[in-house]
Full PDB file with SEQRES, HELIX, SHEET, SSBOND, CRYST1, ORIGX, SCALE, CONECT and MASTER records, all heavy atoms in Angstrom:
SEQRES   1 A   30  GLY GLY SER LEU ARG LEU SER CYS VAL ALA SER GLY PHE          
SEQRES   2 A   30  THR LEU ASP TYR TYR ALA VAL GLY TRP PHE ARG GLN ALA          
SEQRES   3 A   30  PRO GLY LYS ASP                                              
HELIX    1 AA1 LEU A   15  TYR A   17  5                                   3    
CRYST1    1.000    1.000    1.000  90.00  90.00  90.00 P 1           1          
ORIGX1      1.000000  0.000000  0.000000        0.00000                         
ORIGX2      0.000000  1.000000  0.000000        0.00000                         
ORIGX3      0.000000  0.000000  1.000000        0.00000                         
SCALE1      1.000000  0.000000  0.000000        0.00000                         
SCALE2      0.000000  1.000000  0.000000        0.00000                         
SCALE3      0.000000  0.000000  1.000000        0.00000                         
ATOM      1  N   GLY A   1       8.722  -0.874  24.432  1.00  0.00           N  
ATOM      2  CA  GLY A   1       8.272   0.045  25.465  1.00  0.00           C  
ATOM      3  C   GLY A   1       7.617   1.294  24.928  1.00  0.00           C  
ATOM      4  O   GLY A   1       7.033   2.066  25.698  1.00  0.00           O  
ATOM      5  N   GLY A   2       7.698   1.511  23.626  1.00  0.00           N  
ATOM      6  CA  GLY A   2       7.113   2.686  23.008  1.00  0.00           C  
ATOM      7  C   GLY A   2       5.619   2.553  22.753  1.00  0.00           C  
ATOM      8  O   GLY A   2       5.000   1.533  23.109  1.00  0.00           O  
ATOM      9  N   SER A   3       5.058   3.578  22.128  1.00  0.00           N  
ATOM     10  CA  SER A   3       3.619   3.638  21.871  1.00  0.00           C  
ATOM     11  C   SER A   3       3.341   4.023  20.426  1.00  0.00           C  
ATOM     12  O   SER A   3       4.131   4.712  19.790  1.00  0.00           O  
ATOM     13  CB  SER A   3       2.963   4.668  22.789  1.00  0.00           C  
ATOM     14  OG  SER A   3       3.108   4.337  24.144  1.00  0.00           O  
ATOM     15  N   LEU A   4       2.207   3.567  19.955  1.00  0.00           N  
ATOM     16  CA  LEU A   4       1.668   3.972  18.659  1.00  0.00           C  
ATOM     17  C   LEU A   4       0.158   4.054  18.787  1.00  0.00           C  
ATOM     18  O   LEU A   4      -0.443   3.334  19.597  1.00  0.00           O  
ATOM     19  CB  LEU A   4       2.015   2.959  17.563  1.00  0.00           C  
ATOM     20  CG  LEU A   4       3.446   2.910  17.028  1.00  0.00           C  
ATOM     21  CD1 LEU A   4       3.590   1.714  16.083  1.00  0.00           C  
ATOM     22  CD2 LEU A   4       3.806   4.190  16.319  1.00  0.00           C  
ATOM     23  N   ARG A   5      -0.453   4.887  17.964  1.00  0.00           N  
ATOM     24  CA  ARG A   5      -1.909   4.919  17.877  1.00  0.00           C  
ATOM     25  C   ARG A   5      -2.303   4.660  16.431  1.00  0.00           C  
ATOM     26  O   ARG A   5      -1.959   5.435  15.537  1.00  0.00           O  
ATOM     27  CB  ARG A   5      -2.497   6.243  18.339  1.00  0.00           C  
ATOM     28  CG  ARG A   5      -4.017   6.184  18.428  1.00  0.00           C  
ATOM     29  CD  ARG A   5      -4.642   7.430  18.991  1.00  0.00           C  
ATOM     30  NE  ARG A   5      -4.807   8.483  18.004  1.00  0.00           N  
ATOM     31  CZ  ARG A   5      -5.735   9.434  18.076  1.00  0.00           C  
ATOM     32  NH1 ARG A   5      -6.562   9.466  19.091  1.00  0.00           N  
ATOM     33  NH2 ARG A   5      -5.788  10.367  17.145  1.00  0.00           N  
ATOM     34  N   LEU A   6      -3.025   3.587  16.243  1.00  0.00           N  
ATOM     35  CA  LEU A   6      -3.533   3.245  14.920  1.00  0.00           C  
ATOM     36  C   LEU A   6      -4.918   3.851  14.725  1.00  0.00           C  
ATOM     37  O   LEU A   6      -5.709   3.931  15.661  1.00  0.00           O  
ATOM     38  CB  LEU A   6      -3.619   1.732  14.743  1.00  0.00           C  
ATOM     39  CG  LEU A   6      -2.332   0.938  14.982  1.00  0.00           C  
ATOM     40  CD1 LEU A   6      -2.572  -0.542  14.663  1.00  0.00           C  
ATOM     41  CD2 LEU A   6      -1.178   1.490  14.188  1.00  0.00           C  
ATOM     42  N   SER A   7      -5.195   4.241  13.488  1.00  0.00           N  
ATOM     43  CA  SER A   7      -6.514   4.760  13.134  1.00  0.00           C  
ATOM     44  C   SER A   7      -7.094   3.921  12.004  1.00  0.00           C  
ATOM     45  O   SER A   7      -6.355   3.466  11.126  1.00  0.00           O  
ATOM     46  CB  SER A   7      -6.420   6.218  12.674  1.00  0.00           C  
ATOM     47  OG  SER A   7      -5.924   7.044  13.696  1.00  0.00           O  
ATOM     48  N   CYS A   8      -8.386   3.779  12.037  1.00  0.00           N  
ATOM     49  CA  CYS A   8      -9.121   3.078  10.977  1.00  0.00           C  
ATOM     50  C   CYS A   8     -10.249   4.007  10.556  1.00  0.00           C  
ATOM     51  O   CYS A   8     -11.199   4.214  11.319  1.00  0.00           O  
ATOM     52  CB  CYS A   8      -9.658   1.756  11.490  1.00  0.00           C  
ATOM     53  SG  CYS A   8     -10.792   0.913  10.355  1.00  0.00           S  
ATOM     54  N   VAL A   9     -10.124   4.574   9.364  1.00  0.00           N  
ATOM     55  CA  VAL A   9     -11.123   5.512   8.871  1.00  0.00           C  
ATOM     56  C   VAL A   9     -12.018   4.816   7.862  1.00  0.00           C  
ATOM     57  O   VAL A   9     -11.523   4.186   6.914  1.00  0.00           O  
ATOM     58  CB  VAL A   9     -10.454   6.734   8.228  1.00  0.00           C  
ATOM     59  CG1 VAL A   9     -11.510   7.695   7.702  1.00  0.00           C  
ATOM     60  CG2 VAL A   9      -9.559   7.436   9.232  1.00  0.00           C  
ATOM     61  N   ALA A  10     -13.315   4.930   8.077  1.00  0.00           N  
ATOM     62  CA  ALA A  10     -14.294   4.318   7.177  1.00  0.00           C  
ATOM     63  C   ALA A  10     -14.823   5.360   6.203  1.00  0.00           C  
ATOM     64  O   ALA A  10     -15.054   6.514   6.577  1.00  0.00           O  
ATOM     65  CB  ALA A  10     -15.442   3.737   7.984  1.00  0.00           C  
ATOM     66  N   SER A  11     -15.026   4.949   4.976  1.00  0.00           N  
ATOM     67  CA  SER A  11     -15.642   5.821   3.984  1.00  0.00           C  
ATOM     68  C   SER A  11     -16.617   5.014   3.156  1.00  0.00           C  
ATOM     69  O   SER A  11     -16.484   3.799   3.010  1.00  0.00           O  
ATOM     70  CB  SER A  11     -14.580   6.463   3.082  1.00  0.00           C  
ATOM     71  OG  SER A  11     -13.872   5.480   2.365  1.00  0.00           O  
ATOM     72  N   GLY A  12     -17.622   5.717   2.633  1.00  0.00           N  
ATOM     73  CA  GLY A  12     -18.617   5.053   1.810  1.00  0.00           C  
ATOM     74  C   GLY A  12     -19.750   4.433   2.598  1.00  0.00           C  
ATOM     75  O   GLY A  12     -20.669   3.858   2.016  1.00  0.00           O  
ATOM     76  N   PHE A  13     -19.691   4.522   3.929  1.00  0.00           N  
ATOM     77  CA  PHE A  13     -20.760   3.989   4.768  1.00  0.00           C  
ATOM     78  C   PHE A  13     -20.637   4.620   6.154  1.00  0.00           C  
ATOM     79  O   PHE A  13     -19.620   5.233   6.476  1.00  0.00           O  
ATOM     80  CB  PHE A  13     -20.687   2.472   4.863  1.00  0.00           C  
ATOM     81  CG  PHE A  13     -19.488   1.949   5.639  1.00  0.00           C  
ATOM     82  CD1 PHE A  13     -19.647   1.441   6.925  1.00  0.00           C  
ATOM     83  CD2 PHE A  13     -18.223   1.975   5.084  1.00  0.00           C  
ATOM     84  CE1 PHE A  13     -18.550   0.963   7.630  1.00  0.00           C  
ATOM     85  CE2 PHE A  13     -17.124   1.514   5.788  1.00  0.00           C  
ATOM     86  CZ  PHE A  13     -17.292   1.006   7.060  1.00  0.00           C  
ATOM     87  N   THR A  14     -21.694   4.456   6.952  1.00  0.00           N  
ATOM     88  CA  THR A  14     -21.709   5.011   8.301  1.00  0.00           C  
ATOM     89  C   THR A  14     -21.279   3.942   9.296  1.00  0.00           C  
ATOM     90  O   THR A  14     -21.894   2.893   9.389  1.00  0.00           O  
ATOM     91  CB  THR A  14     -23.116   5.515   8.655  1.00  0.00           C  
ATOM     92  OG1 THR A  14     -23.501   6.507   7.701  1.00  0.00           O  
ATOM     93  CG2 THR A  14     -23.138   6.113  10.042  1.00  0.00           C  
ATOM     94  N   LEU A  15     -20.227   4.268  10.031  1.00  0.00           N  
ATOM     95  CA  LEU A  15     -19.646   3.287  10.932  1.00  0.00           C  
ATOM     96  C   LEU A  15     -20.546   2.960  12.126  1.00  0.00           C  
ATOM     97  O   LEU A  15     -20.385   1.928  12.772  1.00  0.00           O  
ATOM     98  CB  LEU A  15     -18.294   3.808  11.430  1.00  0.00           C  
ATOM     99  CG  LEU A  15     -17.265   2.817  11.949  1.00  0.00           C  
ATOM    100  CD1 LEU A  15     -16.974   1.732  10.929  1.00  0.00           C  
ATOM    101  CD2 LEU A  15     -15.997   3.539  12.335  1.00  0.00           C  
ATOM    102  N   ASP A  16     -21.525   3.833  12.403  1.00  0.00           N  
ATOM    103  CA  ASP A  16     -22.398   3.668  13.567  1.00  0.00           C  
ATOM    104  C   ASP A  16     -23.041   2.291  13.654  1.00  0.00           C  
ATOM    105  O   ASP A  16     -23.310   1.797  14.746  1.00  0.00           O  
ATOM    106  CB  ASP A  16     -23.552   4.679  13.514  1.00  0.00           C  
ATOM    107  CG  ASP A  16     -23.076   6.105  13.474  1.00  0.00           C  
ATOM    108  OD1 ASP A  16     -22.055   6.359  12.833  1.00  0.00           O  
ATOM    109  OD2 ASP A  16     -23.727   6.969  14.088  1.00  0.00           O  
ATOM    110  N   TYR A  17     -23.316   1.685  12.491  1.00  0.00           N  
ATOM    111  CA  TYR A  17     -24.092   0.446  12.478  1.00  0.00           C  
ATOM    112  C   TYR A  17     -23.222  -0.808  12.496  1.00  0.00           C  
ATOM    113  O   TYR A  17     -23.718  -1.913  12.279  1.00  0.00           O  
ATOM    114  CB  TYR A  17     -24.994   0.422  11.253  1.00  0.00           C  
ATOM    115  CG  TYR A  17     -25.924   1.604  11.189  1.00  0.00           C  
ATOM    116  CD1 TYR A  17     -25.771   2.596  10.225  1.00  0.00           C  
ATOM    117  CD2 TYR A  17     -26.955   1.756  12.120  1.00  0.00           C  
ATOM    118  CE1 TYR A  17     -26.609   3.692  10.187  1.00  0.00           C  
ATOM    119  CE2 TYR A  17     -27.791   2.844  12.085  1.00  0.00           C  
ATOM    120  CZ  TYR A  17     -27.617   3.813  11.114  1.00  0.00           C  
ATOM    121  OH  TYR A  17     -28.437   4.895  11.070  1.00  0.00           O  
ATOM    122  N   TYR A  18     -21.927  -0.617  12.738  1.00  0.00           N  
ATOM    123  CA  TYR A  18     -21.003  -1.732  12.651  1.00  0.00           C  
ATOM    124  C   TYR A  18     -20.162  -1.869  13.914  1.00  0.00           C  
ATOM    125  O   TYR A  18     -19.693  -0.872  14.480  1.00  0.00           O  
ATOM    126  CB  TYR A  18     -20.044  -1.538  11.479  1.00  0.00           C  
ATOM    127  CG  TYR A  18     -20.697  -1.610  10.123  1.00  0.00           C  
ATOM    128  CD1 TYR A  18     -21.385  -0.522   9.609  1.00  0.00           C  
ATOM    129  CD2 TYR A  18     -20.629  -2.776   9.377  1.00  0.00           C  
ATOM    130  CE1 TYR A  18     -21.992  -0.596   8.371  1.00  0.00           C  
ATOM    131  CE2 TYR A  18     -21.226  -2.854   8.131  1.00  0.00           C  
ATOM    132  CZ  TYR A  18     -21.905  -1.757   7.637  1.00  0.00           C  
ATOM    133  OH  TYR A  18     -22.500  -1.838   6.412  1.00  0.00           O  
ATOM    134  N   ALA A  19     -19.959  -3.104  14.317  1.00  0.00           N  
ATOM    135  CA  ALA A  19     -18.896  -3.394  15.272  1.00  0.00           C  
ATOM    136  C   ALA A  19     -17.580  -3.387  14.499  1.00  0.00           C  
ATOM    137  O   ALA A  19     -17.547  -3.681  13.300  1.00  0.00           O  
ATOM    138  CB  ALA A  19     -19.118  -4.737  15.936  1.00  0.00           C  
ATOM    139  N   VAL A  20     -16.511  -3.048  15.193  1.00  0.00           N  
ATOM    140  CA  VAL A  20     -15.208  -2.932  14.529  1.00  0.00           C  
ATOM    141  C   VAL A  20     -14.171  -3.736  15.302  1.00  0.00           C  
ATOM    142  O   VAL A  20     -14.179  -3.758  16.538  1.00  0.00           O  
ATOM    143  CB  VAL A  20     -14.760  -1.465  14.451  1.00  0.00           C  
ATOM    144  CG1 VAL A  20     -13.412  -1.349  13.733  1.00  0.00           C  
ATOM    145  CG2 VAL A  20     -15.811  -0.622  13.742  1.00  0.00           C  
ATOM    146  N   GLY A  21     -13.308  -4.370  14.573  1.00  0.00           N  
ATOM    147  CA  GLY A  21     -12.237  -5.128  15.206  1.00  0.00           C  
ATOM    148  C   GLY A  21     -10.885  -4.772  14.642  1.00  0.00           C  
ATOM    149  O   GLY A  21     -10.763  -4.378  13.477  1.00  0.00           O  
ATOM    150  N   TRP A  22      -9.881  -4.906  15.502  1.00  0.00           N  
ATOM    151  CA  TRP A  22      -8.489  -4.825  15.073  1.00  0.00           C  
ATOM    152  C   TRP A  22      -7.904  -6.232  15.135  1.00  0.00           C  
ATOM    153  O   TRP A  22      -8.063  -6.937  16.151  1.00  0.00           O  
ATOM    154  CB  TRP A  22      -7.683  -3.900  15.982  1.00  0.00           C  
ATOM    155  CG  TRP A  22      -7.887  -2.450  15.711  1.00  0.00           C  
ATOM    156  CD1 TRP A  22      -8.688  -1.589  16.405  1.00  0.00           C  
ATOM    157  CD2 TRP A  22      -7.266  -1.665  14.689  1.00  0.00           C  
ATOM    158  NE1 TRP A  22      -8.616  -0.329  15.871  1.00  0.00           N  
ATOM    159  CE2 TRP A  22      -7.742  -0.353  14.808  1.00  0.00           C  
ATOM    160  CE3 TRP A  22      -6.349  -1.958  13.669  1.00  0.00           C  
ATOM    161  CZ2 TRP A  22      -7.340   0.682  13.962  1.00  0.00           C  
ATOM    162  CZ3 TRP A  22      -5.939  -0.938  12.832  1.00  0.00           C  
ATOM    163  CH2 TRP A  22      -6.435   0.368  12.981  1.00  0.00           C  
ATOM    164  N   PHE A  23      -7.232  -6.605  14.088  1.00  0.00           N  
ATOM    165  CA  PHE A  23      -6.601  -7.918  13.986  1.00  0.00           C  
ATOM    166  C   PHE A  23      -5.147  -7.729  13.567  1.00  0.00           C  
ATOM    167  O   PHE A  23      -4.789  -6.661  13.053  1.00  0.00           O  
ATOM    168  CB  PHE A  23      -7.335  -8.783  12.957  1.00  0.00           C  
ATOM    169  CG  PHE A  23      -8.778  -9.016  13.310  1.00  0.00           C  
ATOM    170  CD1 PHE A  23      -9.744  -8.065  13.045  1.00  0.00           C  
ATOM    171  CD2 PHE A  23      -9.156 -10.204  13.927  1.00  0.00           C  
ATOM    172  CE1 PHE A  23     -11.073  -8.269  13.400  1.00  0.00           C  
ATOM    173  CE2 PHE A  23     -10.487 -10.418  14.280  1.00  0.00           C  
ATOM    174  CZ  PHE A  23     -11.435  -9.448  14.013  1.00  0.00           C  
ATOM    175  N   ARG A  24      -4.349  -8.737  13.778  1.00  0.00           N  
ATOM    176  CA  ARG A  24      -2.954  -8.627  13.344  1.00  0.00           C  
ATOM    177  C   ARG A  24      -2.479  -9.971  12.807  1.00  0.00           C  
ATOM    178  O   ARG A  24      -2.981 -11.033  13.200  1.00  0.00           O  
ATOM    179  CB  ARG A  24      -2.052  -8.167  14.476  1.00  0.00           C  
ATOM    180  CG  ARG A  24      -1.912  -9.129  15.633  1.00  0.00           C  
ATOM    181  CD  ARG A  24      -1.122  -8.481  16.774  1.00  0.00           C  
ATOM    182  NE  ARG A  24      -0.935  -9.372  17.903  1.00  0.00           N  
ATOM    183  CZ  ARG A  24      -0.414  -9.008  19.068  1.00  0.00           C  
ATOM    184  NH1 ARG A  24      -0.016  -7.735  19.257  1.00  0.00           N  
ATOM    185  NH2 ARG A  24      -0.259  -9.887  20.043  1.00  0.00           N  
ATOM    186  N   GLN A  25      -1.503  -9.873  11.921  1.00  0.00           N  
ATOM    187  CA  GLN A  25      -0.932 -11.080  11.341  1.00  0.00           C  
ATOM    188  C   GLN A  25       0.569 -10.920  11.232  1.00  0.00           C  
ATOM    189  O   GLN A  25       1.052 -10.032  10.515  1.00  0.00           O  
ATOM    190  CB  GLN A  25      -1.543 -11.362   9.970  1.00  0.00           C  
ATOM    191  CG  GLN A  25      -1.136 -12.704   9.404  1.00  0.00           C  
ATOM    192  CD  GLN A  25      -2.013 -13.123   8.237  1.00  0.00           C  
ATOM    193  OE1 GLN A  25      -2.715 -12.318   7.639  1.00  0.00           O  
ATOM    194  NE2 GLN A  25      -1.996 -14.407   7.932  1.00  0.00           N  
ATOM    195  N   ALA A  26       1.281 -11.763  11.956  1.00  0.00           N  
ATOM    196  CA  ALA A  26       2.735 -11.781  11.891  1.00  0.00           C  
ATOM    197  C   ALA A  26       3.160 -12.783  10.823  1.00  0.00           C  
ATOM    198  O   ALA A  26       2.393 -13.696  10.481  1.00  0.00           O  
ATOM    199  CB  ALA A  26       3.305 -12.166  13.256  1.00  0.00           C  
ATOM    200  N   PRO A  27       4.370 -12.631  10.288  1.00  0.00           N  
ATOM    201  CA  PRO A  27       4.835 -13.558   9.249  1.00  0.00           C  
ATOM    202  C   PRO A  27       4.751 -15.011   9.709  1.00  0.00           C  
ATOM    203  O   PRO A  27       5.213 -15.346  10.803  1.00  0.00           O  
ATOM    204  CB  PRO A  27       6.287 -13.124   9.032  1.00  0.00           C  
ATOM    205  CG  PRO A  27       6.309 -11.695   9.404  1.00  0.00           C  
ATOM    206  CD  PRO A  27       5.348 -11.570  10.548  1.00  0.00           C  
ATOM    207  N   GLY A  28       4.142 -15.839   8.877  1.00  0.00           N  
ATOM    208  CA  GLY A  28       4.048 -17.259   9.179  1.00  0.00           C  
ATOM    209  C   GLY A  28       3.004 -17.638  10.200  1.00  0.00           C  
ATOM    210  O   GLY A  28       2.900 -18.801  10.590  1.00  0.00           O  
ATOM    211  N   LYS A  29       2.222 -16.664  10.650  1.00  0.00           N  
ATOM    212  CA  LYS A  29       1.210 -16.939  11.665  1.00  0.00           C  
ATOM    213  C   LYS A  29      -0.176 -16.605  11.142  1.00  0.00           C  
ATOM    214  O   LYS A  29      -0.343 -15.861  10.176  1.00  0.00           O  
ATOM    215  CB  LYS A  29       1.501 -16.140  12.938  1.00  0.00           C  
ATOM    216  CG  LYS A  29       2.787 -16.555  13.635  1.00  0.00           C  
ATOM    217  CD  LYS A  29       2.913 -15.878  14.980  1.00  0.00           C  
ATOM    218  CE  LYS A  29       4.144 -16.355  15.728  1.00  0.00           C  
ATOM    219  NZ  LYS A  29       4.257 -15.712  17.076  1.00  0.00           N  
ATOM    220  N   ASP A  30      -1.169 -17.151  11.808  1.00  0.00           N  
ATOM    221  CA  ASP A  30      -2.549 -16.896  11.449  1.00  0.00           C  
ATOM    222  C   ASP A  30      -2.954 -15.493  11.905  1.00  0.00           C  
ATOM    223  O   ASP A  30      -2.365 -14.939  12.840  1.00  0.00           O  
ATOM    224  CB  ASP A  30      -3.443 -17.943  12.114  1.00  0.00           C  
ATOM    225  CG  ASP A  30      -4.817 -18.002  11.496  1.00  0.00           C  
ATOM    226  OD1 ASP A  30      -5.005 -17.433  10.395  1.00  0.00           O  
ATOM    227  OD2 ASP A  30      -5.709 -18.612  12.106  1.00  0.00           O  
TER     228      ASP A  30                                                      
MASTER        0    0    0    1    0    0    0    6  227    1    0    3          
END                                                                             
């Protein structure tokens, strides 16, 4: 029931030109 906010900081390039995705992997799963 709680909340978290994840951040993804890019360095070495400009993020403007990229689509971005969040993915997750649990133990034993794809």
